[in-house]
Amino acid sequence: MRFAWRAVGCVVLAAGMVAGCKQSSNSAPAAPGAAAGELKTFPIRGKVISVDAVKGSIVFSHEAVPGFMDAMTMTYKLKDPGIASELHPGDLITAKLLVRKVGDDYDDAMLDQIVVTAQARPDYKPAMQYHVPQAGDAVPDFKLLNEKGRTIHLAEFKGRVLLLTFIYTRCPLADYCPRMNKNFAQIDQALAADKGLYAKTHLLSISFDPKFDTPTILKSYGGIYTGGRQETFAHWDFAAPPENELPAIESFFDVGVTQGDAGTLTHSLSTALIGKDGKVLAWYPTNEWQPAEVLAAMKSAAAA
């Protein structure tokens, strides 16, 4: 989708999860072949006119976007196409409009962070209810199979500060799973500099692709970020839940996952800091968090 809007003076003018569901990241890496350019985001609100679940798009009648465009009705792609199945004609929504500024034009418009503020079908219940982690929430004792082929439980990390995130090994987007792994690697290296602090903390990367991400795959993949073939994974586990328990852990940590092309998965991001008592301390639903800020939070929690 290409927009031919031009800047006039200092203002750009037009020429003429989902409550109870899921949230997606507010970063929108360009798809292969998409135009490069600076990513711009604008808040937008209005009514869903129609939904195309196959194409992952909606016809959207929205209010004016201050400083950007007038009120209008048009088709928008959804950043997470899977959300289309959770929207209905007549739903009132708010969202983030993502566009890429290329010269004087705006390309690749799509909607992200969609929240239904009023449902056209109040009796509608989505296939999966998503929980947004809040500070103080007790984390269920989910079980996982780690890179050593050993079943681990989240409860076994009580007494330590646990930082966990969600990834899958085939993720092709540098700003998603690889970025989470690099952030974790920085934190792991910083914690290793203090033996006492290292003993009071642990890192965990959870795959939501258990069918493909076997212990062997996870061990090879994890070694890329943790130190190679000699890595013992004593401080940082890579693990996946059993397939039948995957929906529960995705739901609790608000991880939305839908099937993409060629084995890829379209997914949201979720990183959580868990205290020594097994309760959520902080939740980071995007890729914008910085290792330094999370490291500081871990040090504070470990000292408490």
C-alpha atoms as a PDB file:
ATOM      1  CA  MET A   1       0.000   0.000   0.000  1.00  0.00           C
ATOM      2  CA  ARG A   2       1.506   3.355  -0.960  1.00  0.00           C
ATOM      3  CA  PHE A   3       0.381   6.733   0.281  1.00  0.00           C
ATOM      4  CA  ALA A   4       1.301   9.879  -1.625  1.00  0.00           C
ATOM      5  CA  TRP A   5       0.983  12.309   1.258  1.00  0.00           C
ATOM      6  CA  ARG A   6       3.268  15.336   1.271  1.00  0.00           C
ATOM      7  CA  ALA A   7       4.577  17.499   4.069  1.00  0.00           C
ATOM      8  CA  VAL A   8       3.131  20.999   4.040  1.00  0.00           C
ATOM      9  CA  GLY A   9       5.117  23.328   6.264  1.00  0.00           C
ATOM     10  CA  CYS A  10       5.708  21.430   9.489  1.00  0.00           C
ATOM     11  CA  VAL A  11       2.589  19.250   9.232  1.00  0.00           C
ATOM     12  CA  VAL A  12       1.928  16.173   7.100  1.00  0.00           C
ATOM     13  CA  LEU A  13      -1.563  16.446   5.605  1.00  0.00           C
ATOM     14  CA  ALA A  14      -3.736  14.086   3.587  1.00  0.00           C
ATOM     15  CA  ALA A  15      -4.519  14.974  -0.012  1.00  0.00           C
ATOM     16  CA  GLY A  16      -8.489  14.658   0.242  1.00  0.00           C
ATOM     17  CA  MET A  17      -4.022  -9.660  21.132  1.00  0.00           C
ATOM     18  CA  VAL A  18      -7.870  -6.937  21.273  1.00  0.00           C
ATOM     19  CA  ALA A  19      -9.198  -6.638  24.643  1.00  0.00           C
ATOM     20  CA  GLY A  20      -9.112 -10.186  26.088  1.00  0.00           C
ATOM     21  CA  CYS A  21      -7.035 -11.335  23.160  1.00  0.00           C
ATOM     22  CA  LYS A  22      -3.444 -10.477  22.269  1.00  0.00           C
ATOM     23  CA  GLN A  23      -1.055  -7.645  21.731  1.00  0.00           C
ATOM     24  CA  SER A  24       1.790  -7.510  19.254  1.00  0.00           C
ATOM     25  CA  SER A  25       5.049  -5.643  19.263  1.00  0.00           C
ATOM     26  CA  ASN A  26       5.129  -1.985  18.314  1.00  0.00           C
ATOM     27  CA  SER A  27       8.139  -2.513  16.136  1.00  0.00           C
ATOM     28  CA  ALA A  28       7.456  -3.355  12.499  1.00  0.00           C
ATOM     29  CA  PRO A  29      10.484  -4.673  10.612  1.00  0.00           C
ATOM     30  CA  ALA A  30      10.134  -4.299   6.884  1.00  0.00           C
ATOM     31  CA  ALA A  31       9.113  -7.473   5.109  1.00  0.00           C
ATOM     32  CA  PRO A  32      11.345  -8.802   2.326  1.00  0.00           C
ATOM     33  CA  GLY A  33      10.938  -6.524  -0.658  1.00  0.00           C
ATOM     34  CA  ALA A  34       9.258  -3.785   1.390  1.00  0.00           C
ATOM     35  CA  ALA A  35      10.479  -0.232   1.016  1.00  0.00           C
ATOM     36  CA  ALA A  36      13.121   0.939   3.458  1.00  0.00           C
ATOM     37  CA  GLY A  37      12.495   4.110   5.391  1.00  0.00           C
ATOM     38  CA  GLU A  38      11.958   5.606   8.806  1.00  0.00           C
ATOM     39  CA  LEU A  39       9.175   3.914  10.789  1.00  0.00           C
ATOM     40  CA  LYS A  40       6.471   6.299  11.985  1.00  0.00           C
ATOM     41  CA  THR A  41       3.647   5.453  14.384  1.00  0.00           C
ATOM     42  CA  PHE A  42       0.372   7.264  14.966  1.00  0.00           C
ATOM     43  CA  PRO A  43      -2.569   6.489  17.291  1.00  0.00           C
ATOM     44  CA  ILE A  44      -5.758   5.730  15.364  1.00  0.00           C
ATOM     45  CA  ARG A  45      -9.336   4.835  16.292  1.00  0.00           C
ATOM     46  CA  GLY A  46     -12.555   3.974  14.537  1.00  0.00           C
ATOM     47  CA  LYS A  47     -14.934   1.196  13.445  1.00  0.00           C
ATOM     48  CA  VAL A  48     -14.241  -2.085  11.663  1.00  0.00           C
ATOM     49  CA  ILE A  49     -16.377  -2.208   8.504  1.00  0.00           C
ATOM     50  CA  SER A  50     -15.350  -5.643   7.209  1.00  0.00           C
ATOM     51  CA  VAL A  51     -12.724  -8.301   7.880  1.00  0.00           C
ATOM     52  CA  ASP A  52     -10.690 -10.392   5.422  1.00  0.00           C
ATOM     53  CA  ALA A  53      -9.145 -13.166   7.525  1.00  0.00           C
ATOM     54  CA  VAL A  54      -7.457 -14.736   4.481  1.00  0.00           C
ATOM     55  CA  LYS A  55      -5.541 -11.574   3.575  1.00  0.00           C
ATOM     56  CA  GLY A  56      -5.141 -10.443   7.182  1.00  0.00           C
ATOM     57  CA  SER A  57      -6.713  -7.052   6.567  1.00  0.00           C
ATOM     58  CA  ILE A  58      -9.725  -4.973   7.516  1.00  0.00           C
ATOM     59  CA  VAL A  59     -11.734  -2.169   5.976  1.00  0.00           C
ATOM     60  CA  PHE A  60     -11.508   0.506   8.645  1.00  0.00           C
ATOM     61  CA  SER A  61     -13.508   3.724   9.031  1.00  0.00           C
ATOM     62  CA  HIS A  62     -11.381   5.879  11.288  1.00  0.00           C
ATOM     63  CA  GLU A  63     -11.308   9.324  12.802  1.00  0.00           C
ATOM     64  CA  ALA A  64      -8.803  11.969  11.743  1.00  0.00           C
ATOM     65  CA  VAL A  65      -5.237  11.251  12.782  1.00  0.00           C
ATOM     66  CA  PRO A  66      -3.962  14.605  14.130  1.00  0.00           C
ATOM     67  CA  GLY A  67      -1.041  15.938  12.147  1.00  0.00           C
ATOM     68  CA  PHE A  68      -1.183  13.147   9.616  1.00  0.00           C
ATOM     69  CA  MET A  69      -4.433  12.422   7.786  1.00  0.00           C
ATOM     70  CA  ASP A  70      -8.145  13.197   7.643  1.00  0.00           C
ATOM     71  CA  ALA A  71     -10.927  10.828   8.644  1.00  0.00           C
ATOM     72  CA  MET A  72     -11.548   8.202   5.971  1.00  0.00           C
ATOM     73  CA  THR A  73     -12.510   4.610   5.226  1.00  0.00           C
ATOM     74  CA  MET A  74      -9.916   2.339   3.646  1.00  0.00           C
ATOM     75  CA  THR A  75      -8.318  -1.098   3.768  1.00  0.00           C
ATOM     76  CA  TYR A  76      -5.451  -1.705   6.179  1.00  0.00           C
ATOM     77  CA  LYS A  77      -3.192  -4.709   6.607  1.00  0.00           C
ATOM     78  CA  LEU A  78      -2.793  -6.079  10.118  1.00  0.00           C
ATOM     79  CA  LYS A  79       0.739  -6.475  11.431  1.00  0.00           C
ATOM     80  CA  ASP A  80      -0.386  -9.730  13.050  1.00  0.00           C
ATOM     81  CA  PRO A  81      -2.719 -11.298  10.440  1.00  0.00           C
ATOM     82  CA  GLY A  82      -4.002 -13.776  13.016  1.00  0.00           C
ATOM     83  CA  ILE A  83      -5.877 -11.010  14.809  1.00  0.00           C
ATOM     84  CA  ALA A  84      -8.283 -10.770  11.856  1.00  0.00           C
ATOM     85  CA  SER A  85     -10.147 -13.815  13.149  1.00  0.00           C
ATOM     86  CA  GLU A  86     -10.783 -11.978  16.425  1.00  0.00           C
ATOM     87  CA  LEU A  87     -12.313  -8.864  14.843  1.00  0.00           C
ATOM     88  CA  HIS A  88     -15.873  -8.382  13.608  1.00  0.00           C
ATOM     89  CA  PRO A  89     -17.711  -5.764  11.537  1.00  0.00           C
ATOM     90  CA  GLY A  90     -18.959  -3.077  13.871  1.00  0.00           C
ATOM     91  CA  ASP A  91     -16.197  -3.470  16.478  1.00  0.00           C
ATOM     92  CA  LEU A  92     -14.815  -0.169  17.743  1.00  0.00           C
ATOM     93  CA  ILE A  93     -11.032  -0.326  18.037  1.00  0.00           C
ATOM     94  CA  THR A  94      -7.962   1.689  18.839  1.00  0.00           C
ATOM     95  CA  ALA A  95      -4.608   0.822  17.282  1.00  0.00           C
ATOM     96  CA  LYS A  96      -1.195   2.043  16.253  1.00  0.00           C
ATOM     97  CA  LEU A  97      -0.870   2.988  12.595  1.00  0.00           C
ATOM     98  CA  LEU A  98       2.596   2.022  11.355  1.00  0.00           C
ATOM     99  CA  VAL A  99       3.957   3.582   8.163  1.00  0.00           C
ATOM    100  CA  ARG A 100       7.393   3.983   6.628  1.00  0.00           C
ATOM    101  CA  LYS A 101       8.423   7.449   5.474  1.00  0.00           C
ATOM    102  CA  VAL A 102      10.251   7.190   2.162  1.00  0.00           C
ATOM    103  CA  GLY A 103      11.109  10.640   0.904  1.00  0.00           C
ATOM    104  CA  ASP A 104       7.847  12.557   0.874  1.00  0.00           C
ATOM    105  CA  ASP A 105       5.705   9.407   0.670  1.00  0.00           C
ATOM    106  CA  TYR A 106       4.465   6.896   3.215  1.00  0.00           C
ATOM    107  CA  ASP A 107       4.562   3.153   2.462  1.00  0.00           C
ATOM    108  CA  ASP A 108       3.529  -0.161   3.993  1.00  0.00           C
ATOM    109  CA  ALA A 109       0.728   1.054   6.248  1.00  0.00           C
ATOM    110  CA  MET A 110      -0.477  -1.502   8.786  1.00  0.00           C
ATOM    111  CA  LEU A 111      -2.237  -1.638  12.126  1.00  0.00           C
ATOM    112  CA  ASP A 112      -0.616  -2.908  15.315  1.00  0.00           C
ATOM    113  CA  GLN A 113      -1.512  -3.074  19.032  1.00  0.00           C
ATOM    114  CA  ILE A 114      -5.217  -3.416  18.283  1.00  0.00           C
ATOM    115  CA  VAL A 115      -7.589  -3.079  21.226  1.00  0.00           C
ATOM    116  CA  VAL A 116     -11.347  -3.603  20.937  1.00  0.00           C
ATOM    117  CA  THR A 117     -13.045  -0.873  22.975  1.00  0.00           C
ATOM    118  CA  ALA A 118     -16.596  -1.996  22.133  1.00  0.00           C
ATOM    119  CA  GLN A 119     -17.624  -5.313  20.614  1.00  0.00           C
ATOM    120  CA  ALA A 120     -20.275  -5.586  17.931  1.00  0.00           C
ATOM    121  CA  ARG A 121     -20.890  -9.106  19.261  1.00  0.00           C
ATOM    122  CA  PRO A 122     -20.769  -8.931  23.082  1.00  0.00           C
ATOM    123  CA  ASP A 123     -21.338 -12.688  23.283  1.00  0.00           C
ATOM    124  CA  TYR A 124     -18.201 -13.419  21.257  1.00  0.00           C
ATOM    125  CA  LYS A 125     -15.510 -15.345  23.094  1.00  0.00           C
ATOM    126  CA  PRO A 126     -12.118 -15.780  21.399  1.00  0.00           C
ATOM    127  CA  ALA A 127     -10.607 -19.240  21.042  1.00  0.00           C
ATOM    128  CA  MET A 128      -7.925 -18.328  23.564  1.00  0.00           C
ATOM    129  CA  GLN A 129      -8.092 -15.867  26.430  1.00  0.00           C
ATOM    130  CA  TYR A 130      -4.822 -13.998  26.931  1.00  0.00           C
ATOM    131  CA  HIS A 131      -3.588 -12.774  30.301  1.00  0.00           C
ATOM    132  CA  VAL A 132      -1.515  -9.600  30.519  1.00  0.00           C
ATOM    133  CA  PRO A 133       1.142 -10.191  33.208  1.00  0.00           C
ATOM    134  CA  GLN A 134       0.983  -7.727  36.083  1.00  0.00           C
ATOM    135  CA  ALA A 135       3.434  -7.115  38.907  1.00  0.00           C
ATOM    136  CA  GLY A 136       2.536  -9.438  41.762  1.00  0.00           C
ATOM    137  CA  ASP A 137       0.984 -12.170  39.606  1.00  0.00           C
ATOM    138  CA  ALA A 138       1.988 -15.636  40.791  1.00  0.00           C
ATOM    139  CA  VAL A 139       3.526 -17.558  37.892  1.00  0.00           C
ATOM    140  CA  PRO A 140       2.130 -21.085  37.393  1.00  0.00           C
ATOM    141  CA  ASP A 141       4.569 -23.968  37.710  1.00  0.00           C
ATOM    142  CA  PHE A 142       4.880 -24.601  33.985  1.00  0.00           C
ATOM    143  CA  LYS A 143       7.042 -27.533  32.939  1.00  0.00           C
ATOM    144  CA  LEU A 144       9.486 -27.461  30.039  1.00  0.00           C
ATOM    145  CA  LEU A 145      11.974 -29.757  28.307  1.00  0.00           C
ATOM    146  CA  ASN A 146      15.380 -28.082  28.226  1.00  0.00           C
ATOM    147  CA  GLU A 147      18.395 -28.323  25.933  1.00  0.00           C
ATOM    148  CA  LYS A 148      19.736 -31.283  27.935  1.00  0.00           C
ATOM    149  CA  GLY A 149      16.531 -33.244  27.500  1.00  0.00           C
ATOM    150  CA  ARG A 150      15.670 -32.711  31.172  1.00  0.00           C
ATOM    151  CA  THR A 151      12.200 -31.698  32.355  1.00  0.00           C
ATOM    152  CA  ILE A 152      12.402 -28.506  34.369  1.00  0.00           C
ATOM    153  CA  HIS A 153       9.716 -26.607  36.280  1.00  0.00           C
ATOM    154  CA  LEU A 154       9.491 -22.853  36.802  1.00  0.00           C
ATOM    155  CA  ALA A 155       9.030 -23.474  40.527  1.00  0.00           C
ATOM    156  CA  GLU A 156      12.569 -24.822  40.787  1.00  0.00           C
ATOM    157  CA  PHE A 157      13.894 -21.309  40.149  1.00  0.00           C
ATOM    158  CA  LYS A 158      12.255 -19.904  43.274  1.00  0.00           C
ATOM    159  CA  GLY A 159      14.872 -18.317  45.466  1.00  0.00           C
ATOM    160  CA  ARG A 160      16.535 -16.857  42.378  1.00  0.00           C
ATOM    161  CA  VAL A 161      15.545 -13.934  40.166  1.00  0.00           C
ATOM    162  CA  LEU A 162      14.419 -15.367  36.832  1.00  0.00           C
ATOM    163  CA  LEU A 163      14.421 -13.485  33.536  1.00  0.00           C
ATOM    164  CA  LEU A 164      12.536 -15.310  30.800  1.00  0.00           C
ATOM    165  CA  THR A 165      11.629 -14.566  27.213  1.00  0.00           C
ATOM    166  CA  PHE A 166       9.972 -16.326  24.276  1.00  0.00           C
ATOM    167  CA  ILE A 167      11.708 -17.279  21.023  1.00  0.00           C
ATOM    168  CA  TYR A 168      11.787 -19.918  18.325  1.00  0.00           C
ATOM    169  CA  THR A 169      14.926 -21.059  16.550  1.00  0.00           C
ATOM    170  CA  ARG A 170      13.694 -20.489  12.987  1.00  0.00           C
ATOM    171  CA  CYS A 171      12.796 -16.837  13.582  1.00  0.00           C
ATOM    172  CA  PRO A 172      14.019 -14.865  10.531  1.00  0.00           C
ATOM    173  CA  LEU A 173      13.566 -11.326  11.897  1.00  0.00           C
ATOM    174  CA  ALA A 174      16.655  -9.768  13.464  1.00  0.00           C
ATOM    175  CA  ASP A 175      14.601  -7.468  15.695  1.00  0.00           C
ATOM    176  CA  TYR A 176      12.615 -10.315  17.219  1.00  0.00           C
ATOM    177  CA  CYS A 177      14.104 -13.571  18.587  1.00  0.00           C
ATOM    178  CA  PRO A 178      17.747 -12.837  17.682  1.00  0.00           C
ATOM    179  CA  ARG A 179      17.468  -9.448  19.378  1.00  0.00           C
ATOM    180  CA  MET A 180      16.057 -11.041  22.529  1.00  0.00           C
ATOM    181  CA  ASN A 181      18.928 -13.547  22.531  1.00  0.00           C
ATOM    182  CA  LYS A 182      21.551 -10.819  22.100  1.00  0.00           C
ATOM    183  CA  ASN A 183      19.999  -8.799  24.913  1.00  0.00           C
ATOM    184  CA  PHE A 184      20.042 -11.868  27.150  1.00  0.00           C
ATOM    185  CA  ALA A 185      23.667 -12.572  26.204  1.00  0.00           C
ATOM    186  CA  GLN A 186      24.655  -9.061  27.327  1.00  0.00           C
ATOM    187  CA  ILE A 187      22.829  -9.524  30.615  1.00  0.00           C
ATOM    188  CA  ASP A 188      24.338 -12.978  31.141  1.00  0.00           C
ATOM    189  CA  GLN A 189      27.864 -11.665  30.614  1.00  0.00           C
ATOM    190  CA  ALA A 190      27.279  -8.753  32.978  1.00  0.00           C
ATOM    191  CA  LEU A 191      25.891 -11.017  35.704  1.00  0.00           C
ATOM    192  CA  ALA A 192      28.821 -13.425  35.319  1.00  0.00           C
ATOM    193  CA  ALA A 193      31.160 -10.672  36.458  1.00  0.00           C
ATOM    194  CA  ASP A 194      29.726 -10.989  39.987  1.00  0.00           C
ATOM    195  CA  LYS A 195      29.736 -14.594  41.262  1.00  0.00           C
ATOM    196  CA  GLY A 196      27.364 -13.831  44.103  1.00  0.00           C
ATOM    197  CA  LEU A 197      24.872 -12.156  41.814  1.00  0.00           C
ATOM    198  CA  TYR A 198      25.269 -14.905  39.219  1.00  0.00           C
ATOM    199  CA  ALA A 199      24.222 -17.496  41.796  1.00  0.00           C
ATOM    200  CA  LYS A 200      21.084 -15.525  42.667  1.00  0.00           C
ATOM    201  CA  THR A 201      19.816 -15.192  39.074  1.00  0.00           C
ATOM    202  CA  HIS A 202      18.874 -17.344  36.089  1.00  0.00           C
ATOM    203  CA  LEU A 203      17.924 -16.823  32.436  1.00  0.00           C
ATOM    204  CA  LEU A 204      15.403 -18.848  30.453  1.00  0.00           C
ATOM    205  CA  SER A 205      14.521 -18.692  26.748  1.00  0.00           C
ATOM    206  CA  ILE A 206      11.271 -20.525  25.997  1.00  0.00           C
ATOM    207  CA  SER A 207      10.473 -21.770  22.504  1.00  0.00           C
ATOM    208  CA  PHE A 208       6.850 -21.771  21.348  1.00  0.00           C
ATOM    209  CA  ASP A 209       7.767 -24.207  18.549  1.00  0.00           C
ATOM    210  CA  PRO A 210       8.197 -27.472  20.506  1.00  0.00           C
ATOM    211  CA  LYS A 211       7.569 -29.722  17.516  1.00  0.00           C
ATOM    212  CA  PHE A 212      10.687 -28.401  15.749  1.00  0.00           C
ATOM    213  CA  ASP A 213      12.734 -27.076  18.672  1.00  0.00           C
ATOM    214  CA  THR A 214      13.895 -30.344  20.194  1.00  0.00           C
ATOM    215  CA  PRO A 215      16.561 -30.432  22.929  1.00  0.00           C
ATOM    216  CA  THR A 216      19.240 -31.066  20.289  1.00  0.00           C
ATOM    217  CA  ILE A 217      18.136 -28.062  18.234  1.00  0.00           C
ATOM    218  CA  LEU A 218      17.870 -25.859  21.313  1.00  0.00           C
ATOM    219  CA  LYS A 219      21.328 -26.863  22.533  1.00  0.00           C
ATOM    220  CA  SER A 220      22.930 -26.047  19.191  1.00  0.00           C
ATOM    221  CA  TYR A 221      20.984 -22.803  18.870  1.00  0.00           C
ATOM    222  CA  GLY A 222      21.579 -21.725  22.452  1.00  0.00           C
ATOM    223  CA  GLY A 223      25.289 -22.331  22.165  1.00  0.00           C
ATOM    224  CA  ILE A 224      25.501 -19.598  19.536  1.00  0.00           C
ATOM    225  CA  TYR A 225      24.632 -17.052  22.212  1.00  0.00           C
ATOM    226  CA  THR A 226      25.969 -18.647  25.384  1.00  0.00           C
ATOM    227  CA  GLY A 227      29.484 -19.771  24.583  1.00  0.00           C
ATOM    228  CA  GLY A 228      29.592 -22.555  22.028  1.00  0.00           C
ATOM    229  CA  ARG A 229      30.065 -26.301  22.333  1.00  0.00           C
ATOM    230  CA  GLN A 230      31.468 -26.243  25.859  1.00  0.00           C
ATOM    231  CA  GLU A 231      28.497 -24.341  27.269  1.00  0.00           C
ATOM    232  CA  THR A 232      26.951 -26.082  30.278  1.00  0.00           C
ATOM    233  CA  PHE A 233      23.781 -23.954  30.326  1.00  0.00           C
ATOM    234  CA  ALA A 234      24.141 -23.746  34.093  1.00  0.00           C
ATOM    235  CA  HIS A 235      22.841 -20.155  34.155  1.00  0.00           C
ATOM    236  CA  TRP A 236      20.781 -19.883  30.967  1.00  0.00           C
ATOM    237  CA  ASP A 237      18.373 -22.576  29.794  1.00  0.00           C
ATOM    238  CA  PHE A 238      16.725 -22.954  26.398  1.00  0.00           C
ATOM    239  CA  ALA A 239      13.564 -25.002  26.709  1.00  0.00           C
ATOM    240  CA  ALA A 240      10.149 -25.732  25.204  1.00  0.00           C
ATOM    241  CA  PRO A 241       6.876 -26.813  26.824  1.00  0.00           C
ATOM    242  CA  PRO A 242       5.035 -29.979  25.787  1.00  0.00           C
ATOM    243  CA  GLU A 243       2.712 -29.258  22.856  1.00  0.00           C
ATOM    244  CA  ASN A 244      -0.402 -29.866  24.928  1.00  0.00           C
ATOM    245  CA  GLU A 245       0.729 -27.312  27.522  1.00  0.00           C
ATOM    246  CA  LEU A 246       1.869 -24.665  25.041  1.00  0.00           C
ATOM    247  CA  PRO A 247      -1.488 -22.780  24.944  1.00  0.00           C
ATOM    248  CA  ALA A 248      -1.481 -22.304  28.726  1.00  0.00           C
ATOM    249  CA  ILE A 249       1.985 -20.761  28.867  1.00  0.00           C
ATOM    250  CA  GLU A 250       1.306 -18.599  25.792  1.00  0.00           C
ATOM    251  CA  SER A 251      -1.917 -17.403  27.386  1.00  0.00           C
ATOM    252  CA  PHE A 252      -0.360 -16.531  30.752  1.00  0.00           C
ATOM    253  CA  PHE A 253       2.527 -14.564  29.236  1.00  0.00           C
ATOM    254  CA  ASP A 254       0.395 -12.973  26.464  1.00  0.00           C
ATOM    255  CA  VAL A 255       2.321 -14.572  23.598  1.00  0.00           C
ATOM    256  CA  GLY A 256       0.284 -14.541  20.384  1.00  0.00           C
ATOM    257  CA  VAL A 257       1.484 -17.034  17.771  1.00  0.00           C
ATOM    258  CA  THR A 258       0.036 -17.803  14.333  1.00  0.00           C
ATOM    259  CA  GLN A 259       1.344 -19.935  11.481  1.00  0.00           C
ATOM    260  CA  GLY A 260       3.265 -18.090   8.768  1.00  0.00           C
ATOM    261  CA  ASP A 261       4.821 -19.259   5.517  1.00  0.00           C
ATOM    262  CA  ALA A 262       7.527 -21.905   5.092  1.00  0.00           C
ATOM    263  CA  GLY A 263       7.605 -22.939   8.731  1.00  0.00           C
ATOM    264  CA  THR A 264       7.757 -19.406  10.100  1.00  0.00           C
ATOM    265  CA  LEU A 265       5.547 -18.169  12.919  1.00  0.00           C
ATOM    266  CA  THR A 266       4.050 -14.717  13.311  1.00  0.00           C
ATOM    267  CA  HIS A 267       4.330 -13.861  16.975  1.00  0.00           C
ATOM    268  CA  SER A 268       4.297 -11.164  19.599  1.00  0.00           C
ATOM    269  CA  LEU A 269       7.083 -10.633  22.114  1.00  0.00           C
ATOM    270  CA  SER A 270       7.032 -11.249  25.841  1.00  0.00           C
ATOM    271  CA  THR A 271       9.849 -10.920  28.366  1.00  0.00           C
ATOM    272  CA  ALA A 272       9.167 -11.244  32.085  1.00  0.00           C
ATOM    273  CA  LEU A 273      11.184 -10.665  35.221  1.00  0.00           C
ATOM    274  CA  ILE A 274      10.181 -13.065  37.991  1.00  0.00           C
ATOM    275  CA  GLY A 275      11.103 -12.436  41.613  1.00  0.00           C
ATOM    276  CA  LYS A 276      12.577 -14.886  44.083  1.00  0.00           C
ATOM    277  CA  ASP A 277       9.062 -15.551  45.355  1.00  0.00           C
ATOM    278  CA  GLY A 278       7.896 -16.745  41.930  1.00  0.00           C
ATOM    279  CA  LYS A 279       5.817 -13.626  41.230  1.00  0.00           C
ATOM    280  CA  VAL A 280       6.007 -11.233  38.289  1.00  0.00           C
ATOM    281  CA  LEU A 281       8.142  -8.161  38.967  1.00  0.00           C
ATOM    282  CA  ALA A 282       8.022  -6.608  35.498  1.00  0.00           C
ATOM    283  CA  TRP A 283       6.811  -7.451  32.010  1.00  0.00           C
ATOM    284  CA  TYR A 284       8.242  -6.196  28.720  1.00  0.00           C
ATOM    285  CA  PRO A 285       5.857  -6.805  25.768  1.00  0.00           C
ATOM    286  CA  THR A 286       8.003  -5.241  23.028  1.00  0.00           C
ATOM    287  CA  ASN A 287      11.579  -5.275  21.756  1.00  0.00           C
ATOM    288  CA  GLU A 288      12.275  -1.763  23.035  1.00  0.00           C
ATOM    289  CA  TRP A 289      13.593  -2.683  26.479  1.00  0.00           C
ATOM    290  CA  GLN A 290      17.296  -2.165  27.066  1.00  0.00           C
ATOM    291  CA  PRO A 291      19.626  -4.721  28.698  1.00  0.00           C
ATOM    292  CA  ALA A 292      20.953  -2.081  31.108  1.00  0.00           C
ATOM    293  CA  GLU A 293      17.532  -1.300  32.564  1.00  0.00           C
ATOM    294  CA  VAL A 294      16.605  -4.964  32.986  1.00  0.00           C
ATOM    295  CA  LEU A 295      20.025  -5.740  34.478  1.00  0.00           C
ATOM    296  CA  ALA A 296      19.510  -2.983  37.041  1.00  0.00           C
ATOM    297  CA  ALA A 297      16.086  -4.412  37.929  1.00  0.00           C
ATOM    298  CA  MET A 298      17.585  -7.899  38.342  1.00  0.00           C
ATOM    299  CA  LYS A 299      20.331  -6.600  40.631  1.00  0.00           C
ATOM    300  CA  SER A 300      17.792  -4.769  42.756  1.00  0.00           C
ATOM    301  CA  ALA A 301      15.547  -7.831  43.009  1.00  0.00           C
ATOM    302  CA  ALA A 302      18.459 -10.121  43.844  1.00  0.00           C
ATOM    303  CA  ALA A 303      19.561  -7.802  46.631  1.00  0.00           C
ATOM    304  CA  ALA A 304      16.101  -7.645  48.194  1.00  0.00           C
END
